[in-house]
Amino acid sequence: MALIRARDIQRAPRHWALVGSRLAGKSTFLTAMSKIILVVDTEGRGREIEGVNNCEVFFPDVPDRQDPLAMSQVLRRDAQDIRDAGIQLIAIDSLTPIYKRMSAEAVAKNERKTNKNLSIAYVDKANAIRLFQDAAVSLGTDVAMIWHYEAGRDGNGKEVVNQTISDVERQKLARSLNGIIELQAEKGRRTARIVWSRAGGNSLRGVEIEDAQGFWRGVPEQIDALFAEAGQRRQESVVNDG
């Protein structure tokens, strides 16, 4: 039978964003999510997680992994190969270089007056990111998108911590996400903190799960359970209200 019954699906797909500071364990978290991973390695460090949690890592065969348009084309071109390899998770590690590069290119185009309409460069950027995002999600695997916290200063010179993707860009990404997870590492203790879930909205915001076993083992499954429970409560609320 070519169709899949919804009730036969064991859990919802993980379309998650992972955000955290340097050394918070974002890349390692991927290996707890899946044993066979396709990593869009924009930072050149993807090989470091090979074998962690007994995972196997693949990379897309494309010269420029920071070009979202090229990556979207490759993911669609190689869709059958991805299925045949048993890929269970497509991970973009990370989105930070992609956004920084495309923003710089958009500014450069406008400064050179390449575009008569100065907003065109930013529209092109948004469209390329959207195609990339849609290609990753369309293959039916789990998807993880990583970005970072980075230290900076505000207009008054005060130290602040910002995310490397703007609020507007995060809202655009959220259309195909069902969870945003903040990973924290402090004083030898790692935790995964739920920022947002589609199933529970903000009801799970701030819930923390400690990395008790190390290497984030079992943490994705605990998040699955929390999301499923929140989704069930939401469905029951809709039925009762009806």
C-alpha atoms as a PDB file:
ATOM      1  CA  MET A   1       0.000   0.000   0.000  1.00  0.00           C
ATOM      2  CA  ALA A   2       1.488   3.329  -1.112  1.00  0.00           C
ATOM      3  CA  LEU A   3      -0.397   5.369   1.470  1.00  0.00           C
ATOM      4  CA  ILE A   4       0.601   5.830   5.107  1.00  0.00           C
ATOM      5  CA  ARG A   5      -1.975   5.878   7.871  1.00  0.00           C
ATOM      6  CA  ALA A   6      -1.515   8.724  10.325  1.00  0.00           C
ATOM      7  CA  ARG A   7      -2.050   6.369  13.255  1.00  0.00           C
ATOM      8  CA  ASP A   8       0.851   4.191  12.058  1.00  0.00           C
ATOM      9  CA  ILE A   9       3.332   7.056  12.480  1.00  0.00           C
ATOM     10  CA  GLN A  10       5.088   6.468  15.798  1.00  0.00           C
ATOM     11  CA  ARG A  11       5.921  10.113  16.464  1.00  0.00           C
ATOM     12  CA  ALA A  12       5.700  13.512  14.847  1.00  0.00           C
ATOM     13  CA  PRO A  13       8.628  14.440  12.603  1.00  0.00           C
ATOM     14  CA  ARG A  14      11.265  16.486  14.353  1.00  0.00           C
ATOM     15  CA  HIS A  15      11.523  19.786  12.550  1.00  0.00           C
ATOM     16  CA  TRP A  16      13.587  21.511  15.185  1.00  0.00           C
ATOM     17  CA  ALA A  17      15.779  24.549  15.515  1.00  0.00           C
ATOM     18  CA  LEU A  18      18.742  24.191  17.868  1.00  0.00           C
ATOM     19  CA  VAL A  19      20.237  27.382  19.244  1.00  0.00           C
ATOM     20  CA  GLY A  20      23.020  27.908  21.735  1.00  0.00           C
ATOM     21  CA  SER A  21      26.416  29.367  22.453  1.00  0.00           C
ATOM     22  CA  ARG A  22      29.717  27.922  21.343  1.00  0.00           C
ATOM     23  CA  LEU A  23      30.450  24.510  22.922  1.00  0.00           C
ATOM     24  CA  ALA A  24      26.865  24.080  24.104  1.00  0.00           C
ATOM     25  CA  GLY A  25      26.758  20.754  22.260  1.00  0.00           C
ATOM     26  CA  LYS A  26      24.537  21.628  19.295  1.00  0.00           C
ATOM     27  CA  SER A  27      26.316  19.375  16.795  1.00  0.00           C
ATOM     28  CA  THR A  28      26.524  16.535  19.314  1.00  0.00           C
ATOM     29  CA  PHE A  29      22.771  16.855  19.864  1.00  0.00           C
ATOM     30  CA  LEU A  30      22.285  15.860  16.219  1.00  0.00           C
ATOM     31  CA  THR A  31      23.849  12.469  16.926  1.00  0.00           C
ATOM     32  CA  ALA A  32      21.292  11.849  19.671  1.00  0.00           C
ATOM     33  CA  MET A  33      18.496  12.652  17.228  1.00  0.00           C
ATOM     34  CA  SER A  34      19.489  10.102  14.588  1.00  0.00           C
ATOM     35  CA  LYS A  35      21.998   7.402  13.703  1.00  0.00           C
ATOM     36  CA  ILE A  36      22.246   8.310   9.997  1.00  0.00           C
ATOM     37  CA  ILE A  37      22.608  12.023   9.297  1.00  0.00           C
ATOM     38  CA  LEU A  38      23.027  14.173   6.205  1.00  0.00           C
ATOM     39  CA  VAL A  39      24.880  17.279   7.386  1.00  0.00           C
ATOM     40  CA  VAL A  40      24.869  20.471   5.344  1.00  0.00           C
ATOM     41  CA  ASP A  41      28.214  21.423   6.816  1.00  0.00           C
ATOM     42  CA  THR A  42      28.588  25.165   6.334  1.00  0.00           C
ATOM     43  CA  GLU A  43      31.338  25.522   8.947  1.00  0.00           C
ATOM     44  CA  GLY A  44      33.657  22.676   7.907  1.00  0.00           C
ATOM     45  CA  ARG A  45      33.386  20.744  11.169  1.00  0.00           C
ATOM     46  CA  GLY A  46      30.893  18.056  10.266  1.00  0.00           C
ATOM     47  CA  ARG A  47      33.404  15.202  10.413  1.00  0.00           C
ATOM     48  CA  GLU A  48      33.908  15.829  14.130  1.00  0.00           C
ATOM     49  CA  ILE A  49      30.618  14.132  15.006  1.00  0.00           C
ATOM     50  CA  GLU A  50      31.180  11.004  12.907  1.00  0.00           C
ATOM     51  CA  GLY A  51      30.855   8.029  15.247  1.00  0.00           C
ATOM     52  CA  VAL A  52      29.515  10.005  18.213  1.00  0.00           C
ATOM     53  CA  ASN A  53      26.587   8.009  19.617  1.00  0.00           C
ATOM     54  CA  ASN A  54      27.473   5.485  16.873  1.00  0.00           C
ATOM     55  CA  CYS A  55      26.112   7.791  14.193  1.00  0.00           C
ATOM     56  CA  GLU A  56      27.059   7.777  10.513  1.00  0.00           C
ATOM     57  CA  VAL A  57      27.480  11.127   8.759  1.00  0.00           C
ATOM     58  CA  PHE A  58      26.951  11.930   5.081  1.00  0.00           C
ATOM     59  CA  PHE A  59      27.549  15.208   3.232  1.00  0.00           C
ATOM     60  CA  PRO A  60      25.842  16.540   0.089  1.00  0.00           C
ATOM     61  CA  ASP A  61      28.061  16.569  -2.994  1.00  0.00           C
ATOM     62  CA  VAL A  62      28.034  20.270  -3.778  1.00  0.00           C
ATOM     63  CA  PRO A  63      30.994  22.673  -4.142  1.00  0.00           C
ATOM     64  CA  ASP A  64      29.443  25.458  -2.060  1.00  0.00           C
ATOM     65  CA  ARG A  65      27.463  24.395   1.001  1.00  0.00           C
ATOM     66  CA  GLN A  66      26.814  28.019   1.935  1.00  0.00           C
ATOM     67  CA  ASP A  67      24.755  28.619  -1.215  1.00  0.00           C
ATOM     68  CA  PRO A  68      21.133  27.888  -0.229  1.00  0.00           C
ATOM     69  CA  LEU A  69      19.860  27.862  -3.813  1.00  0.00           C
ATOM     70  CA  ALA A  70      22.484  25.316  -4.888  1.00  0.00           C
ATOM     71  CA  MET A  71      21.774  23.239  -1.789  1.00  0.00           C
ATOM     72  CA  SER A  72      18.021  23.181  -2.452  1.00  0.00           C
ATOM     73  CA  GLN A  73      18.675  21.928  -5.988  1.00  0.00           C
ATOM     74  CA  VAL A  74      21.050  19.223  -4.759  1.00  0.00           C
ATOM     75  CA  LEU A  75      18.642  17.982  -2.084  1.00  0.00           C
ATOM     76  CA  ARG A  76      15.891  17.584  -4.657  1.00  0.00           C
ATOM     77  CA  ARG A  77      18.250  16.060  -7.231  1.00  0.00           C
ATOM     78  CA  ASP A  78      19.577  13.497  -4.756  1.00  0.00           C
ATOM     79  CA  ALA A  79      16.263  12.738  -3.037  1.00  0.00           C
ATOM     80  CA  GLN A  80      16.301   9.055  -4.025  1.00  0.00           C
ATOM     81  CA  ASP A  81      19.945   8.634  -2.973  1.00  0.00           C
ATOM     82  CA  ILE A  82      19.081  10.172   0.389  1.00  0.00           C
ATOM     83  CA  ARG A  83      16.268   7.660   0.847  1.00  0.00           C
ATOM     84  CA  ASP A  84      18.424   4.731  -0.316  1.00  0.00           C
ATOM     85  CA  ALA A  85      21.157   5.671   2.183  1.00  0.00           C
ATOM     86  CA  GLY A  86      18.622   5.491   5.000  1.00  0.00           C
ATOM     87  CA  ILE A  87      19.103   9.132   5.972  1.00  0.00           C
ATOM     88  CA  GLN A  88      16.903   9.856   8.974  1.00  0.00           C
ATOM     89  CA  LEU A  89      17.927  13.458   9.668  1.00  0.00           C
ATOM     90  CA  ILE A  90      18.925  16.400   7.494  1.00  0.00           C
ATOM     91  CA  ALA A  91      20.869  18.908   9.572  1.00  0.00           C
ATOM     92  CA  ILE A  92      21.952  22.408   8.580  1.00  0.00           C
ATOM     93  CA  ASP A  93      24.995  23.111  10.748  1.00  0.00           C
ATOM     94  CA  SER A  94      24.729  25.971  10.751  1.00  0.00           C
ATOM     95  CA  LEU A  95      22.528  28.643   9.195  1.00  0.00           C
ATOM     96  CA  THR A  96      24.726  31.407  10.612  1.00  0.00           C
ATOM     97  CA  PRO A  97      27.313  31.560   7.766  1.00  0.00           C
ATOM     98  CA  ILE A  98      24.544  31.369   5.162  1.00  0.00           C
ATOM     99  CA  TYR A  99      22.654  34.349   6.567  1.00  0.00           C
ATOM    100  CA  LYS A 100      25.771  36.408   7.183  1.00  0.00           C
ATOM    101  CA  ARG A 101      27.074  35.803   3.677  1.00  0.00           C
ATOM    102  CA  MET A 102      23.772  36.503   1.951  1.00  0.00           C
ATOM    103  CA  SER A 103      23.229  39.667   3.994  1.00  0.00           C
ATOM    104  CA  ALA A 104      26.709  40.884   3.058  1.00  0.00           C
ATOM    105  CA  GLU A 105      26.066  40.085  -0.613  1.00  0.00           C
ATOM    106  CA  ALA A 106      22.743  41.950  -0.524  1.00  0.00           C
ATOM    107  CA  VAL A 107      24.422  45.020   0.979  1.00  0.00           C
ATOM    108  CA  ALA A 108      27.213  44.848  -1.606  1.00  0.00           C
ATOM    109  CA  LYS A 109      24.739  44.653  -4.489  1.00  0.00           C
ATOM    110  CA  ASN A 110      22.878  47.679  -3.206  1.00  0.00           C
ATOM    111  CA  GLU A 111      26.078  49.654  -2.665  1.00  0.00           C
ATOM    112  CA  ARG A 112      27.116  48.911  -6.248  1.00  0.00           C
ATOM    113  CA  LYS A 113      23.597  49.905  -7.299  1.00  0.00           C
ATOM    114  CA  THR A 114      23.248  46.590  -9.126  1.00  0.00           C
ATOM    115  CA  ASN A 115      19.541  46.675  -8.296  1.00  0.00           C
ATOM    116  CA  LYS A 116      17.394  49.684  -9.143  1.00  0.00           C
ATOM    117  CA  ASN A 117      14.978  48.509  -6.475  1.00  0.00           C
ATOM    118  CA  LEU A 118      17.139  48.200  -3.342  1.00  0.00           C
ATOM    119  CA  SER A 119      14.771  45.698  -1.734  1.00  0.00           C
ATOM    120  CA  ILE A 120      15.299  43.163  -4.537  1.00  0.00           C
ATOM    121  CA  ALA A 121      18.569  41.881  -3.058  1.00  0.00           C
ATOM    122  CA  TYR A 122      16.833  41.051   0.206  1.00  0.00           C
ATOM    123  CA  VAL A 123      13.895  39.444  -1.604  1.00  0.00           C
ATOM    124  CA  ASP A 124      16.360  37.220  -3.480  1.00  0.00           C
ATOM    125  CA  LYS A 125      17.937  36.216  -0.167  1.00  0.00           C
ATOM    126  CA  ALA A 126      14.578  35.366   1.386  1.00  0.00           C
ATOM    127  CA  ASN A 127      13.502  33.313  -1.632  1.00  0.00           C
ATOM    128  CA  ALA A 128      16.757  31.329  -1.691  1.00  0.00           C
ATOM    129  CA  ILE A 129      16.476  30.502   2.011  1.00  0.00           C
ATOM    130  CA  ARG A 130      12.837  29.497   1.571  1.00  0.00           C
ATOM    131  CA  LEU A 131      13.659  27.118  -1.301  1.00  0.00           C
ATOM    132  CA  PHE A 132      16.427  25.559   0.790  1.00  0.00           C
ATOM    133  CA  GLN A 133      14.120  25.174   3.783  1.00  0.00           C
ATOM    134  CA  ASP A 134      11.324  23.639   1.710  1.00  0.00           C
ATOM    135  CA  ALA A 135      13.689  21.188   0.004  1.00  0.00           C
ATOM    136  CA  ALA A 136      14.983  19.913   3.350  1.00  0.00           C
ATOM    137  CA  VAL A 137      11.513  19.460   4.825  1.00  0.00           C
ATOM    138  CA  SER A 138      10.013  17.886   1.682  1.00  0.00           C
ATOM    139  CA  LEU A 139      12.074  14.693   1.897  1.00  0.00           C
ATOM    140  CA  GLY A 140      10.155  13.339   4.871  1.00  0.00           C
ATOM    141  CA  THR A 141      13.119  13.027   7.229  1.00  0.00           C
ATOM    142  CA  ASP A 142      13.671  14.797  10.508  1.00  0.00           C
ATOM    143  CA  VAL A 143      15.218  18.241  10.042  1.00  0.00           C
ATOM    144  CA  ALA A 144      17.439  20.243  12.388  1.00  0.00           C
ATOM    145  CA  MET A 145      18.493  23.838  11.777  1.00  0.00           C
ATOM    146  CA  ILE A 146      21.255  25.249  13.943  1.00  0.00           C
ATOM    147  CA  TRP A 147      22.200  28.824  14.708  1.00  0.00           C
ATOM    148  CA  HIS A 148      24.087  30.534  17.501  1.00  0.00           C
ATOM    149  CA  TYR A 149      24.193  33.022  20.298  1.00  0.00           C
ATOM    150  CA  GLU A 150      27.017  35.529  20.020  1.00  0.00           C
ATOM    151  CA  ALA A 151      28.239  38.275  22.317  1.00  0.00           C
ATOM    152  CA  GLY A 152      28.097  41.880  21.183  1.00  0.00           C
ATOM    153  CA  ARG A 153      27.425  45.418  22.385  1.00  0.00           C
ATOM    154  CA  ASP A 154      24.372  47.616  22.091  1.00  0.00           C
ATOM    155  CA  GLY A 155      24.324  51.281  21.090  1.00  0.00           C
ATOM    156  CA  ASN A 156      25.395  52.284  24.593  1.00  0.00           C
ATOM    157  CA  GLY A 157      28.359  49.942  24.621  1.00  0.00           C
ATOM    158  CA  LYS A 158      26.691  47.518  27.013  1.00  0.00           C
ATOM    159  CA  GLU A 159      27.472  43.834  26.508  1.00  0.00           C
ATOM    160  CA  VAL A 160      24.538  41.870  25.092  1.00  0.00           C
ATOM    161  CA  VAL A 161      23.977  38.371  23.742  1.00  0.00           C
ATOM    162  CA  ASN A 162      22.213  38.183  20.396  1.00  0.00           C
ATOM    163  CA  GLN A 163      21.079  35.400  18.117  1.00  0.00           C
ATOM    164  CA  THR A 164      22.839  35.221  14.766  1.00  0.00           C
ATOM    165  CA  ILE A 165      19.494  35.243  12.956  1.00  0.00           C
ATOM    166  CA  SER A 166      17.101  38.171  13.266  1.00  0.00           C
ATOM    167  CA  ASP A 167      13.598  37.995  14.737  1.00  0.00           C
ATOM    168  CA  VAL A 168      12.115  38.404  11.256  1.00  0.00           C
ATOM    169  CA  GLU A 169      14.178  35.552   9.821  1.00  0.00           C
ATOM    170  CA  ARG A 170      13.337  33.302  12.772  1.00  0.00           C
ATOM    171  CA  GLN A 171       9.633  33.925  12.230  1.00  0.00           C
ATOM    172  CA  LYS A 172      10.002  32.908   8.582  1.00  0.00           C
ATOM    173  CA  LEU A 173      11.838  29.721   9.527  1.00  0.00           C
ATOM    174  CA  ALA A 174       9.185  28.861  12.115  1.00  0.00           C
ATOM    175  CA  ARG A 175       6.578  28.156   9.425  1.00  0.00           C
ATOM    176  CA  SER A 176       8.145  24.721   8.876  1.00  0.00           C
ATOM    177  CA  LEU A 177       9.435  24.123  12.419  1.00  0.00           C
ATOM    178  CA  ASN A 178       7.587  22.388  15.230  1.00  0.00           C
ATOM    179  CA  GLY A 179      10.088  23.087  17.967  1.00  0.00           C
ATOM    180  CA  ILE A 180      12.825  25.507  19.002  1.00  0.00           C
ATOM    181  CA  ILE A 181      15.282  24.128  21.543  1.00  0.00           C
ATOM    182  CA  GLU A 182      17.911  26.145  23.370  1.00  0.00           C
ATOM    183  CA  LEU A 183      20.985  24.164  24.416  1.00  0.00           C
ATOM    184  CA  GLN A 184      22.920  25.387  27.437  1.00  0.00           C
ATOM    185  CA  ALA A 185      26.200  24.341  29.024  1.00  0.00           C
ATOM    186  CA  GLU A 186      27.203  25.817  32.359  1.00  0.00           C
ATOM    187  CA  LYS A 187      29.513  24.530  35.081  1.00  0.00           C
ATOM    188  CA  GLY A 188      29.704  21.099  33.512  1.00  0.00           C
ATOM    189  CA  ARG A 189      25.922  20.752  33.274  1.00  0.00           C
ATOM    190  CA  ARG A 190      24.097  20.618  29.966  1.00  0.00           C
ATOM    191  CA  THR A 191      20.395  21.235  29.533  1.00  0.00           C
ATOM    192  CA  ALA A 192      17.940  21.422  26.654  1.00  0.00           C
ATOM    193  CA  ARG A 193      15.384  24.167  27.217  1.00  0.00           C
ATOM    194  CA  ILE A 194      12.180  24.367  25.204  1.00  0.00           C
ATOM    195  CA  VAL A 195      11.690  27.847  23.759  1.00  0.00           C
ATOM    196  CA  TRP A 196       8.621  27.097  21.633  1.00  0.00           C
ATOM    197  CA  SER A 197       6.655  24.163  20.274  1.00  0.00           C
ATOM    198  CA  ARG A 198       3.944  24.084  17.662  1.00  0.00           C
ATOM    199  CA  ALA A 199       2.001  21.507  19.657  1.00  0.00           C
ATOM    200  CA  GLY A 200       2.093  23.426  22.913  1.00  0.00           C
ATOM    201  CA  GLY A 201       2.691  27.018  21.832  1.00  0.00           C
ATOM    202  CA  ASN A 202       4.318  28.740  24.772  1.00  0.00           C
ATOM    203  CA  SER A 203       2.877  26.325  27.349  1.00  0.00           C
ATOM    204  CA  LEU A 204       6.157  24.380  27.426  1.00  0.00           C
ATOM    205  CA  ARG A 205       8.350  27.463  27.299  1.00  0.00           C
ATOM    206  CA  GLY A 206      11.157  27.224  29.826  1.00  0.00           C
ATOM    207  CA  VAL A 207      10.855  23.477  30.456  1.00  0.00           C
ATOM    208  CA  GLU A 208      14.373  22.086  30.867  1.00  0.00           C
ATOM    209  CA  ILE A 209      15.698  18.576  30.351  1.00  0.00           C
ATOM    210  CA  GLU A 210      19.094  17.734  31.790  1.00  0.00           C
ATOM    211  CA  ASP A 211      21.638  15.766  29.788  1.00  0.00           C
ATOM    212  CA  ALA A 212      21.841  13.138  32.505  1.00  0.00           C
ATOM    213  CA  GLN A 213      23.311  10.319  30.383  1.00  0.00           C
ATOM    214  CA  GLY A 214      25.827  12.423  28.473  1.00  0.00           C
ATOM    215  CA  PHE A 215      26.028  13.176  24.740  1.00  0.00           C
ATOM    216  CA  TRP A 216      22.324  14.132  24.918  1.00  0.00           C
ATOM    217  CA  ARG A 217      21.294  10.476  24.890  1.00  0.00           C
ATOM    218  CA  GLY A 218      17.551  10.121  25.408  1.00  0.00           C
ATOM    219  CA  VAL A 219      16.886  13.863  25.453  1.00  0.00           C
ATOM    220  CA  PRO A 220      15.213  14.055  22.002  1.00  0.00           C
ATOM    221  CA  GLU A 221      12.853  11.266  23.055  1.00  0.00           C
ATOM    222  CA  GLN A 222      11.926  13.168  26.212  1.00  0.00           C
ATOM    223  CA  ILE A 223      11.183  16.234  24.102  1.00  0.00           C
ATOM    224  CA  ASP A 224       9.049  14.087  21.771  1.00  0.00           C
ATOM    225  CA  ALA A 225       7.020  12.919  24.765  1.00  0.00           C
ATOM    226  CA  LEU A 226       6.481  16.472  26.026  1.00  0.00           C
ATOM    227  CA  PHE A 227       5.399  17.677  22.583  1.00  0.00           C
ATOM    228  CA  ALA A 228       3.041  14.713  22.139  1.00  0.00           C
ATOM    229  CA  GLU A 229       1.458  15.306  25.540  1.00  0.00           C
ATOM    230  CA  ALA A 230       1.006  19.010  24.791  1.00  0.00           C
ATOM    231  CA  GLY A 231      -0.550  18.174  21.431  1.00  0.00           C
ATOM    232  CA  GLN A 232      -2.962  15.733  23.062  1.00  0.00           C
ATOM    233  CA  ARG A 233      -4.019  18.338  25.618  1.00  0.00           C
ATOM    234  CA  ARG A 234      -4.567  20.820  22.825  1.00  0.00           C
ATOM    235  CA  GLN A 235      -6.763  18.374  20.880  1.00  0.00           C
ATOM    236  CA  GLU A 236      -8.811  17.565  23.973  1.00  0.00           C
ATOM    237  CA  SER A 237      -9.284  21.269  24.629  1.00  0.00           C
ATOM    238  CA  VAL A 238     -10.565  21.811  21.083  1.00  0.00           C
ATOM    239  CA  VAL A 239     -12.995  18.880  21.414  1.00  0.00           C
ATOM    240  CA  ASN A 240     -14.267  20.105  24.779  1.00  0.00           C
ATOM    241  CA  ASP A 241     -14.685  23.651  23.502  1.00  0.00           C
ATOM    242  CA  GLY A 242     -16.589  22.322  20.511  1.00  0.00           C
END
